[in-house]
């Protein structure tokens, strides 16, 4: 009987140790993978989002800077043209949102800012966003893009691939700004359509 009790205790201890390993792996995954991809809005606050001395070029011929966020409600999304899924999916979502907004879609500017200026020139971006009505591509020098990434609290990192190429890991949220250039919320990647539309309508009413 004592041997049976001892065996049961050992099994329980083993299960407990495995549970601790799983928890530890979860913490490591959050710290090293998930957490850096967040915009860290809760840690840094939102008042300064979009503020900085970045000066980039837009596909409509305008300059994208802090001042460009004023005058009209804006949605700002960071990505790159070689993006396999997140960016084209988001552009598709934007197209659907604009269709549902109807005439109100003209009240909203959508900026697609590259995190890969080495490959994404203004001309490349113009081509890339051409199928998504109302979306304005934004690019510039690596230095200016880095300033914008910092100003918008965006996570972006180059990921080397086999053969010498690379991809980009980046935040997937869409940041919303009112017509005064003030941060007004965000829309998550693959956000529930009803919630996304509610956020946009609230933004355009404000």
Protein backbone atom coordinates (compact mmCIF):
# COMPACT_ATOMS: atom_id res chain seq x y z
CA UNK A 1 0.00 0.00 0.00
CA UNK A 2 2.83 2.35 0.89
CA UNK A 3 4.45 1.64 -2.49
CA UNK A 4 1.20 2.48 -4.25
CA UNK A 5 0.90 5.78 -2.38
CA UNK A 6 4.52 6.60 -3.19
CA UNK A 7 3.91 5.84 -6.88
CA UNK A 8 0.84 8.06 -6.93
CA UNK A 9 2.76 10.87 -5.29
CA UNK A 10 5.55 10.56 -7.86
CA UNK A 11 3.03 10.72 -10.71
CA UNK A 12 1.45 13.84 -9.24
CA UNK A 13 4.88 15.41 -8.84
CA UNK A 14 5.72 14.53 -12.43
CA UNK A 15 2.47 16.11 -13.70
CA UNK A 16 3.15 19.21 -11.62
CA UNK A 17 6.65 19.54 -13.08
CA UNK A 18 5.31 19.19 -16.63
CA UNK A 19 2.68 21.83 -15.89
CA UNK A 20 5.39 24.19 -14.67
CA UNK A 21 7.40 23.54 -17.86
CA UNK A 22 4.35 24.39 -20.01
CA UNK A 23 3.73 27.60 -18.06
CA UNK A 24 7.41 28.56 -18.37
CA UNK A 25 7.36 27.96 -22.13
CA UNK A 26 4.23 30.07 -22.38
CA UNK A 27 5.90 32.94 -20.55
CA UNK A 28 8.97 32.71 -22.79
CA UNK A 29 6.78 32.68 -25.89
CA UNK A 30 4.85 35.72 -24.71
CA UNK A 31 7.99 37.65 -23.77
CA UNK A 32 10.00 36.90 -26.90
CA UNK A 33 7.35 36.53 -29.61
CA UNK A 34 3.89 37.89 -28.80
CA UNK A 35 4.64 40.84 -26.54
CA UNK A 36 7.12 42.59 -28.89
CA UNK A 37 4.53 42.50 -31.68
CA UNK A 38 2.08 44.54 -29.67
CA UNK A 39 2.11 48.29 -30.07
CA UNK A 40 2.60 48.60 -26.29
CA UNK A 41 -0.06 51.29 -26.13
CA UNK A 42 -0.93 50.41 -22.53
CA UNK A 43 2.70 50.92 -21.47
CA UNK A 44 3.54 54.09 -23.35
CA UNK A 45 0.19 55.86 -23.50
CA UNK A 46 -1.51 57.04 -26.66
CA UNK A 47 -1.29 60.82 -26.56
CA UNK A 48 1.98 60.94 -28.50
CA UNK A 49 1.08 58.35 -31.14
CA UNK A 50 1.89 59.61 -34.63
CA UNK A 51 3.94 62.53 -33.34
CA UNK A 52 7.48 62.92 -34.60
CA UNK A 53 9.68 64.56 -37.23
CA UNK A 54 9.29 61.84 -39.90
CA UNK A 55 8.83 63.01 -43.49
CA UNK A 56 7.82 60.39 -46.02
CA UNK A 57 6.43 60.41 -49.56
CA UNK A 58 2.92 59.24 -50.38
CA UNK A 59 1.69 57.66 -53.60
CA UNK A 60 -0.73 60.55 -54.16
CA UNK A 61 2.19 63.01 -54.34
CA UNK A 62 1.74 64.43 -50.86
CA UNK A 63 4.10 64.36 -47.89
CA UNK A 64 3.26 62.03 -45.03
CA UNK A 65 4.20 63.66 -41.74
CA UNK A 66 2.63 64.45 -38.39
CA UNK A 67 0.79 67.34 -40.02
CA UNK A 68 -0.72 65.00 -42.64
CA UNK A 69 -2.86 63.37 -39.95
CA UNK A 70 -4.84 66.58 -39.47
CA UNK A 71 -7.82 67.80 -41.47
CA UNK A 72 -9.46 64.44 -42.04
CA UNK A 73 -9.96 61.19 -40.16
CA UNK A 74 -7.17 58.70 -40.90
CA UNK A 75 -6.41 55.01 -40.56
CA UNK A 76 -2.71 54.07 -40.57
CA UNK A 77 -1.43 50.56 -41.21
CA UNK A 78 2.18 49.39 -41.46
CA UNK A 79 3.19 46.52 -43.77
CA UNK A 80 5.20 45.64 -46.87
CA UNK A 81 4.57 44.52 -50.43
CA UNK A 82 6.20 41.08 -50.01
CA UNK A 83 3.84 40.32 -47.10
CA UNK A 84 2.29 36.88 -47.71
CA UNK A 85 -0.97 37.21 -45.79
CA UNK A 86 -1.54 39.99 -43.23
CA UNK A 87 -1.15 42.94 -45.62
CA UNK A 88 -3.26 41.70 -48.55
CA UNK A 89 -5.91 40.49 -46.11
CA UNK A 90 -6.02 43.90 -44.43
CA UNK A 91 -6.23 45.70 -47.77
CA UNK A 92 -9.13 43.43 -48.65
CA UNK A 93 -10.81 44.30 -45.35
CA UNK A 94 -10.32 48.02 -46.06
CA UNK A 95 -11.98 47.60 -49.46
CA UNK A 96 -14.97 45.94 -47.78
CA UNK A 97 -15.19 48.63 -45.10
CA UNK A 98 -15.21 51.39 -47.70
CA UNK A 99 -17.98 49.69 -49.64
CA UNK A 100 -20.07 49.42 -46.49
CA UNK A 101 -19.40 53.04 -45.51
CA UNK A 102 -20.75 54.20 -48.84
CA UNK A 103 -20.49 58.00 -49.33
CA UNK A 104 -18.87 58.33 -45.88
CA UNK A 105 -15.81 56.45 -47.18
CA UNK A 106 -14.57 59.72 -48.70
CA UNK A 107 -14.25 61.14 -45.17
CA UNK A 108 -11.56 58.58 -44.31
CA UNK A 109 -7.96 58.42 -45.53
CA UNK A 110 -6.16 55.09 -45.26
CA UNK A 111 -2.35 55.12 -45.23
CA UNK A 112 -0.32 51.97 -45.90
CA UNK A 113 3.19 52.71 -44.60
CA UNK A 114 5.95 50.32 -45.59
CA UNK A 115 8.29 48.80 -43.02
CA UNK A 116 10.52 47.61 -45.90
CA UNK A 117 11.81 50.76 -47.64
CA UNK A 118 14.71 48.86 -49.20
CA UNK A 119 12.29 47.07 -51.54
CA UNK A 120 9.18 49.26 -51.40
CA UNK A 121 9.67 52.46 -53.37
CA UNK A 122 6.78 54.87 -53.84
CA UNK A 123 6.30 53.49 -57.36
CA UNK A 124 6.21 49.90 -56.06
CA UNK A 125 3.65 50.86 -53.44
CA UNK A 126 1.54 52.72 -55.97
CA UNK A 127 1.24 49.50 -57.93
CA UNK A 128 0.62 47.43 -54.82
CA UNK A 129 -2.28 49.49 -53.42
CA UNK A 130 -3.84 50.27 -56.82
CA UNK A 131 -6.50 47.56 -56.40
CA UNK A 132 -7.63 48.94 -53.03
CA UNK A 133 -9.54 52.19 -53.66
CA UNK A 134 -8.74 55.03 -51.29
CA UNK A 135 -5.55 53.49 -49.88
CA UNK A 136 -2.47 55.71 -50.02
CA UNK A 137 0.95 54.04 -49.99
CA UNK A 138 3.78 55.66 -48.02
CA UNK A 139 7.55 55.13 -48.29
CA UNK A 140 10.84 56.98 -47.91
CA UNK A 141 14.41 56.50 -46.79
CA UNK A 142 15.14 53.80 -44.17
CA UNK A 143 15.97 56.57 -41.69
CA UNK A 144 12.62 58.33 -42.14
CA UNK A 145 10.69 55.05 -42.05
CA UNK A 146 12.47 54.19 -38.78
CA UNK A 147 11.30 57.53 -37.35
CA UNK A 148 7.72 56.78 -38.35
CA UNK A 149 7.87 53.27 -36.89
CA UNK A 150 9.01 54.79 -33.60
CA UNK A 151 6.42 57.59 -33.68
CA UNK A 152 3.53 55.14 -34.17
CA UNK A 153 4.89 52.61 -31.61
CA UNK A 154 5.05 49.93 -34.29
CA UNK A 155 6.97 46.68 -34.00
CA UNK A 156 8.96 45.84 -37.15
CA UNK A 157 11.86 43.43 -37.56
CA UNK A 158 13.73 41.95 -40.53
CA UNK A 159 13.65 38.15 -40.55
CA UNK A 160 16.42 36.45 -42.60
CA UNK A 161 15.36 33.57 -44.85
CA UNK A 162 17.20 30.74 -46.55
CA UNK A 163 18.94 31.76 -49.75
CA UNK A 164 19.88 35.21 -48.50
CA UNK A 165 16.42 36.78 -48.72
CA UNK A 166 14.35 38.17 -45.88
CA UNK A 167 10.83 38.86 -44.72
CA UNK A 168 9.47 41.40 -42.24
CA UNK A 169 7.73 40.73 -38.95
CA UNK A 170 5.50 43.65 -37.98
CA UNK A 171 2.51 44.85 -35.99
CA UNK A 172 -0.80 44.06 -37.66
CA UNK A 173 -3.11 46.62 -36.04
CA UNK A 174 -4.70 49.54 -37.85
CA UNK A 175 -4.38 52.80 -35.89
CA UNK A 176 -7.18 55.37 -36.09
CA UNK A 177 -6.79 59.16 -35.83
CA UNK A 178 -9.43 61.88 -35.74
CA UNK A 179 -9.38 65.00 -37.90
CA UNK A 180 -7.18 66.75 -35.32
CA UNK A 181 -4.49 64.07 -35.66
CA UNK A 182 -5.28 62.61 -32.23
CA UNK A 183 -5.22 58.87 -31.65
CA UNK A 184 -8.79 57.54 -31.63
CA UNK A 185 -8.46 53.77 -31.25
CA UNK A 186 -7.45 50.77 -33.28
CA UNK A 187 -8.82 47.92 -35.36
CA UNK A 188 -7.16 44.55 -34.82
CA UNK A 189 -6.15 42.14 -37.55
CA UNK A 190 -9.20 40.17 -38.75
CA UNK A 191 -11.36 42.22 -36.40
CA UNK A 192 -15.01 41.23 -36.21
CA UNK A 193 -16.61 43.17 -39.13
CA UNK A 194 -19.37 44.65 -36.99
CA UNK A 195 -16.91 45.92 -34.40
CA UNK A 196 -14.61 47.31 -37.08
CA UNK A 197 -17.48 49.17 -38.74
CA UNK A 198 -18.67 50.50 -35.37
CA UNK A 199 -15.16 51.92 -34.72
CA UNK A 200 -15.02 53.55 -38.15
CA UNK A 201 -18.49 55.08 -37.91
CA UNK A 202 -17.70 56.46 -34.45
CA UNK A 203 -14.47 57.93 -35.84
CA UNK A 204 -16.23 59.61 -38.75
CA UNK A 205 -18.99 61.02 -36.52
CA UNK A 206 -16.51 62.59 -34.10
